[in-house]
Amino acid sequence: PLAPRFSPSAPALASRAKLRELHEFRIQSKYLRYTMEMLEPAFPEMFKKELLPPVADLQERLGEIIDSSERRERFSKWLRHAKDEATALHLREHIALDTSHLRQARADFGAWCTPQFLYQLKTSFDTLLAQLTLVAPARARAAVQPGLGTHLGAARFS
C-alpha cells in the first residue's frame, strides 16, 4: 500500500512502543510523504495544505526519536573502546544528553500522535479519495473504444 496503516494500534504512544516499531513507522511515513510529494500536483489544494504537513511532521518527529537512539548507540560503542578518561567522560555526557532527549522526544511524540490524530488523518485521506474521479486522457479512452482498437500502445500520451 502507498500509505502506512493509520489506526489506534499504530505506535502512537511512543513511550510504550519499541524503537524498532517506531523505526518501521518512520520508514512507512517516508514512503508515504515522498509519494505524496511526487503526486501532489494531481490532487486538490487541500491535499497539499491539510494532508501533507501532518505526514511530514510525523516523519520528522519520528526522525528525532530514531536519530537520538542511533546516536546514543554509536556513542556507547565508542565508549567501550575509549582509550582515555577524558574521551570516556565526553562520551558519557553525550550518552546522557541523548538519553534525556530520547525520553523527551518519545513523550512529546506520544502526546502528539494520538489515536485521535491518526483517525483524523485517515478520515481526511478517505474523504479526499472518495471525492476523486479517475479520468484517463482522451487519447487513451479513444484507444480502448470498440472499433478503434484496444491496444494502449497505439495511443500516444503527451
C-alpha atoms as a PDB file:
ATOM      1  CA  PRO A   1       0.000   0.000   0.000  1.00  0.00           C
ATOM      2  CA  LEU A   2       1.048   3.608  -0.541  1.00  0.00           C
ATOM      3  CA  ALA A   3       0.140   4.663   2.984  1.00  0.00           C
ATOM      4  CA  PRO A   4       1.007   3.149   6.325  1.00  0.00           C
ATOM      5  CA  ARG A   5      -1.940   1.787   8.246  1.00  0.00           C
ATOM      6  CA  PHE A   6      -3.357   4.600  10.313  1.00  0.00           C
ATOM      7  CA  SER A   7      -5.104   3.021  13.248  1.00  0.00           C
ATOM      8  CA  PRO A   8      -5.218   3.284  17.004  1.00  0.00           C
ATOM      9  CA  SER A   9      -2.977   0.228  17.121  1.00  0.00           C
ATOM     10  CA  ALA A  10      -0.183   2.065  15.279  1.00  0.00           C
ATOM     11  CA  PRO A  11       2.739   3.019  17.529  1.00  0.00           C
ATOM     12  CA  ALA A  12       1.014   6.230  18.584  1.00  0.00           C
ATOM     13  CA  LEU A  13       2.145   6.156  22.187  1.00  0.00           C
ATOM     14  CA  ALA A  14       5.884   6.365  21.635  1.00  0.00           C
ATOM     15  CA  SER A  15       6.652   5.995  25.312  1.00  0.00           C
ATOM     16  CA  ARG A  16       5.376   2.393  25.122  1.00  0.00           C
ATOM     17  CA  ALA A  17       6.307   1.491  21.531  1.00  0.00           C
ATOM     18  CA  LYS A  18       9.519  -0.333  20.767  1.00  0.00           C
ATOM     19  CA  LEU A  19      12.166   1.618  18.884  1.00  0.00           C
ATOM     20  CA  ARG A  20      12.067  -0.996  16.113  1.00  0.00           C
ATOM     21  CA  GLU A  21       8.327  -0.347  15.645  1.00  0.00           C
ATOM     22  CA  LEU A  22       8.876   3.409  15.592  1.00  0.00           C
ATOM     23  CA  HIS A  23      11.671   2.974  13.050  1.00  0.00           C
ATOM     24  CA  GLU A  24       9.377   0.922  10.799  1.00  0.00           C
ATOM     25  CA  PHE A  25       6.640   3.526  11.230  1.00  0.00           C
ATOM     26  CA  ARG A  26       9.136   6.216  10.205  1.00  0.00           C
ATOM     27  CA  ILE A  27      10.126   4.269   7.084  1.00  0.00           C
ATOM     28  CA  GLN A  28       6.465   3.891   6.124  1.00  0.00           C
ATOM     29  CA  SER A  29       5.857   7.588   6.731  1.00  0.00           C
ATOM     30  CA  LYS A  30       8.826   8.417   4.460  1.00  0.00           C
ATOM     31  CA  TYR A  31       7.364   6.344   1.636  1.00  0.00           C
ATOM     32  CA  LEU A  32       4.013   7.999   2.141  1.00  0.00           C
ATOM     33  CA  ARG A  33       5.464  11.520   2.290  1.00  0.00           C
ATOM     34  CA  TYR A  34       7.645  11.124  -0.797  1.00  0.00           C
ATOM     35  CA  THR A  35       4.810   9.533  -2.745  1.00  0.00           C
ATOM     36  CA  MET A  36       2.514  12.360  -1.705  1.00  0.00           C
ATOM     37  CA  GLU A  37       5.070  14.987  -2.727  1.00  0.00           C
ATOM     38  CA  MET A  38       5.562  13.314  -6.100  1.00  0.00           C
ATOM     39  CA  LEU A  39       1.807  13.093  -6.774  1.00  0.00           C
ATOM     40  CA  GLU A  40       0.829  16.397  -5.149  1.00  0.00           C
ATOM     41  CA  PRO A  41       0.208  18.286  -8.442  1.00  0.00           C
ATOM     42  CA  ALA A  42      -2.509  15.774  -9.363  1.00  0.00           C
ATOM     43  CA  PHE A  43      -4.568  16.446  -6.233  1.00  0.00           C
ATOM     44  CA  PRO A  44      -6.670  19.358  -4.989  1.00  0.00           C
ATOM     45  CA  GLU A  45      -5.034  22.132  -2.932  1.00  0.00           C
ATOM     46  CA  MET A  46      -6.440  20.548   0.248  1.00  0.00           C
ATOM     47  CA  PHE A  47      -4.043  17.641  -0.268  1.00  0.00           C
ATOM     48  CA  LYS A  48      -1.009  19.925  -0.042  1.00  0.00           C
ATOM     49  CA  LYS A  49      -2.322  22.171   2.714  1.00  0.00           C
ATOM     50  CA  GLU A  50      -4.081  19.698   5.010  1.00  0.00           C
ATOM     51  CA  LEU A  51      -2.679  16.213   4.421  1.00  0.00           C
ATOM     52  CA  LEU A  52       0.982  16.676   3.543  1.00  0.00           C
ATOM     53  CA  PRO A  53       2.020  18.813   6.585  1.00  0.00           C
ATOM     54  CA  PRO A  54       0.963  16.303   9.276  1.00  0.00           C
ATOM     55  CA  VAL A  55       2.634  13.450   7.375  1.00  0.00           C
ATOM     56  CA  ALA A  56       5.854  15.499   7.085  1.00  0.00           C
ATOM     57  CA  ASP A  57       5.613  16.376  10.792  1.00  0.00           C
ATOM     58  CA  LEU A  58       5.081  12.706  11.643  1.00  0.00           C
ATOM     59  CA  GLN A  59       8.217  11.721   9.756  1.00  0.00           C
ATOM     60  CA  GLU A  60      10.299  14.499  11.331  1.00  0.00           C
ATOM     61  CA  ARG A  61       9.166  13.694  14.878  1.00  0.00           C
ATOM     62  CA  LEU A  62       9.920  10.012  14.379  1.00  0.00           C
ATOM     63  CA  GLY A  63      13.288  11.019  12.945  1.00  0.00           C
ATOM     64  CA  GLU A  64      14.178  12.834  16.168  1.00  0.00           C
ATOM     65  CA  ILE A  65      13.492   9.696  18.173  1.00  0.00           C
ATOM     66  CA  ILE A  66      15.392   7.344  15.883  1.00  0.00           C
ATOM     67  CA  ASP A  67      18.344   9.709  15.404  1.00  0.00           C
ATOM     68  CA  SER A  68      18.740  10.166  19.176  1.00  0.00           C
ATOM     69  CA  SER A  69      18.590   6.424  19.709  1.00  0.00           C
ATOM     70  CA  GLU A  70      21.143   5.679  16.995  1.00  0.00           C
ATOM     71  CA  ARG A  71      23.460   8.438  18.210  1.00  0.00           C
ATOM     72  CA  ARG A  72      23.269   7.054  21.760  1.00  0.00           C
ATOM     73  CA  GLU A  73      24.106   3.547  20.476  1.00  0.00           C
ATOM     74  CA  ARG A  74      27.065   4.868  18.472  1.00  0.00           C
ATOM     75  CA  PHE A  75      28.427   6.794  21.488  1.00  0.00           C
ATOM     76  CA  SER A  76      28.012   3.680  23.654  1.00  0.00           C
ATOM     77  CA  LYS A  77      30.078   1.622  21.194  1.00  0.00           C
ATOM     78  CA  TRP A  78      32.773   4.300  21.112  1.00  0.00           C
ATOM     79  CA  LEU A  79      32.761   4.411  24.928  1.00  0.00           C
ATOM     80  CA  ARG A  80      33.614   0.703  25.087  1.00  0.00           C
ATOM     81  CA  HIS A  81      36.736   1.446  23.045  1.00  0.00           C
ATOM     82  CA  ALA A  82      37.705   4.779  24.640  1.00  0.00           C
ATOM     83  CA  LYS A  83      41.436   4.917  25.308  1.00  0.00           C
ATOM     84  CA  ASP A  84      41.472   7.723  27.873  1.00  0.00           C
ATOM     85  CA  GLU A  85      39.249   9.020  30.664  1.00  0.00           C
ATOM     86  CA  ALA A  86      38.665  12.443  29.065  1.00  0.00           C
ATOM     87  CA  THR A  87      37.204  10.837  25.947  1.00  0.00           C
ATOM     88  CA  ALA A  88      35.146   8.438  28.056  1.00  0.00           C
ATOM     89  CA  LEU A  89      33.764  11.333  30.139  1.00  0.00           C
ATOM     90  CA  HIS A  90      32.870  13.273  26.985  1.00  0.00           C
ATOM     91  CA  LEU A  91      31.076  10.244  25.528  1.00  0.00           C
ATOM     92  CA  ARG A  92      29.176   9.608  28.797  1.00  0.00           C
ATOM     93  CA  GLU A  93      27.955  13.212  28.720  1.00  0.00           C
ATOM     94  CA  HIS A  94      26.695  12.786  25.156  1.00  0.00           C
ATOM     95  CA  ILE A  95      25.032   9.496  26.043  1.00  0.00           C
ATOM     96  CA  ALA A  96      23.262  11.181  28.969  1.00  0.00           C
ATOM     97  CA  LEU A  97      22.129  14.075  26.752  1.00  0.00           C
ATOM     98  CA  ASP A  98      20.814  11.735  24.074  1.00  0.00           C
ATOM     99  CA  THR A  99      19.096   9.558  26.667  1.00  0.00           C
ATOM    100  CA  SER A 100      17.338  12.639  28.025  1.00  0.00           C
ATOM    101  CA  HIS A 101      16.482  13.896  24.538  1.00  0.00           C
ATOM    102  CA  LEU A 102      15.190  10.465  23.517  1.00  0.00           C
ATOM    103  CA  ARG A 103      12.960  10.249  26.598  1.00  0.00           C
ATOM    104  CA  GLN A 104      11.532  13.718  25.911  1.00  0.00           C
ATOM    105  CA  ALA A 105      11.084  13.125  22.163  1.00  0.00           C
ATOM    106  CA  ARG A 106       9.203   9.881  22.842  1.00  0.00           C
ATOM    107  CA  ALA A 107       6.954  11.590  25.390  1.00  0.00           C
ATOM    108  CA  ASP A 108       6.283  14.510  23.026  1.00  0.00           C
ATOM    109  CA  PHE A 109       5.514  12.148  20.154  1.00  0.00           C
ATOM    110  CA  GLY A 110       3.196  10.065  22.312  1.00  0.00           C
ATOM    111  CA  ALA A 111       1.288  13.195  23.313  1.00  0.00           C
ATOM    112  CA  TRP A 112       1.079  14.416  19.697  1.00  0.00           C
ATOM    113  CA  CYS A 113       0.493  11.206  17.736  1.00  0.00           C
ATOM    114  CA  THR A 114      -2.639  10.002  19.458  1.00  0.00           C
ATOM    115  CA  PRO A 115      -5.189   7.506  18.179  1.00  0.00           C
ATOM    116  CA  GLN A 116      -7.440  10.516  17.570  1.00  0.00           C
ATOM    117  CA  PHE A 117      -4.769  12.192  15.406  1.00  0.00           C
ATOM    118  CA  LEU A 118      -4.284   9.008  13.363  1.00  0.00           C
ATOM    119  CA  TYR A 119      -8.035   8.560  12.999  1.00  0.00           C
ATOM    120  CA  GLN A 120      -8.448  12.155  11.797  1.00  0.00           C
ATOM    121  CA  LEU A 121      -5.600  11.759   9.317  1.00  0.00           C
ATOM    122  CA  LYS A 122      -7.109   8.533   7.973  1.00  0.00           C
ATOM    123  CA  THR A 123     -10.541  10.164   7.755  1.00  0.00           C
ATOM    124  CA  SER A 124      -9.059  13.094   5.811  1.00  0.00           C
ATOM    125  CA  PHE A 125      -7.422  10.687   3.351  1.00  0.00           C
ATOM    126  CA  ASP A 126     -10.641   8.693   2.992  1.00  0.00           C
ATOM    127  CA  THR A 127     -12.663  11.863   2.370  1.00  0.00           C
ATOM    128  CA  LEU A 128     -10.267  13.125  -0.279  1.00  0.00           C
ATOM    129  CA  LEU A 129     -10.012   9.788  -2.066  1.00  0.00           C
ATOM    130  CA  ALA A 130     -13.803   9.354  -2.083  1.00  0.00           C
ATOM    131  CA  GLN A 131     -14.139  12.683  -3.919  1.00  0.00           C
ATOM    132  CA  LEU A 132     -11.688  11.829  -6.681  1.00  0.00           C
ATOM    133  CA  THR A 133     -12.715  10.684 -10.121  1.00  0.00           C
ATOM    134  CA  LEU A 134     -10.045   8.999 -12.163  1.00  0.00           C
ATOM    135  CA  VAL A 135     -10.175  10.025 -15.790  1.00  0.00           C
ATOM    136  CA  ALA A 136      -7.886   8.646 -18.453  1.00  0.00           C
ATOM    137  CA  PRO A 137      -6.535  11.062 -21.074  1.00  0.00           C
ATOM    138  CA  ALA A 138      -8.824  11.391 -24.134  1.00  0.00           C
ATOM    139  CA  ARG A 139      -6.360   9.570 -26.395  1.00  0.00           C
ATOM    140  CA  ALA A 140      -6.223   6.619 -24.015  1.00  0.00           C
ATOM    141  CA  ARG A 141     -10.029   6.468 -23.859  1.00  0.00           C
ATOM    142  CA  ALA A 142     -10.192   6.531 -27.673  1.00  0.00           C
ATOM    143  CA  ALA A 143      -7.655   3.701 -27.849  1.00  0.00           C
ATOM    144  CA  VAL A 144      -9.902   1.344 -25.902  1.00  0.00           C
ATOM    145  CA  GLN A 145     -13.242   2.208 -27.539  1.00  0.00           C
ATOM    146  CA  PRO A 146     -14.779  -0.529 -29.703  1.00  0.00           C
ATOM    147  CA  GLY A 147     -13.816  -0.242 -33.328  1.00  0.00           C
ATOM    148  CA  LEU A 148     -10.790   1.905 -32.507  1.00  0.00           C
ATOM    149  CA  GLY A 149      -8.593  -0.914 -31.223  1.00  0.00           C
ATOM    150  CA  THR A 150      -7.821  -1.908 -27.702  1.00  0.00           C
ATOM    151  CA  HIS A 151      -4.065  -1.657 -27.650  1.00  0.00           C
ATOM    152  CA  LEU A 152      -2.965   1.188 -25.410  1.00  0.00           C
ATOM    153  CA  GLY A 153       0.393   1.171 -27.136  1.00  0.00           C
ATOM    154  CA  ALA A 154      -1.357   2.738 -30.138  1.00  0.00           C
ATOM    155  CA  ALA A 155      -2.248   5.811 -28.089  1.00  0.00           C
ATOM    156  CA  ARG A 156       0.377   8.492 -27.765  1.00  0.00           C
ATOM    157  CA  PHE A 157       0.474  10.334 -24.463  1.00  0.00           C
ATOM    158  CA  SER A 158       1.784  13.849 -24.383  1.00  0.00           C
END
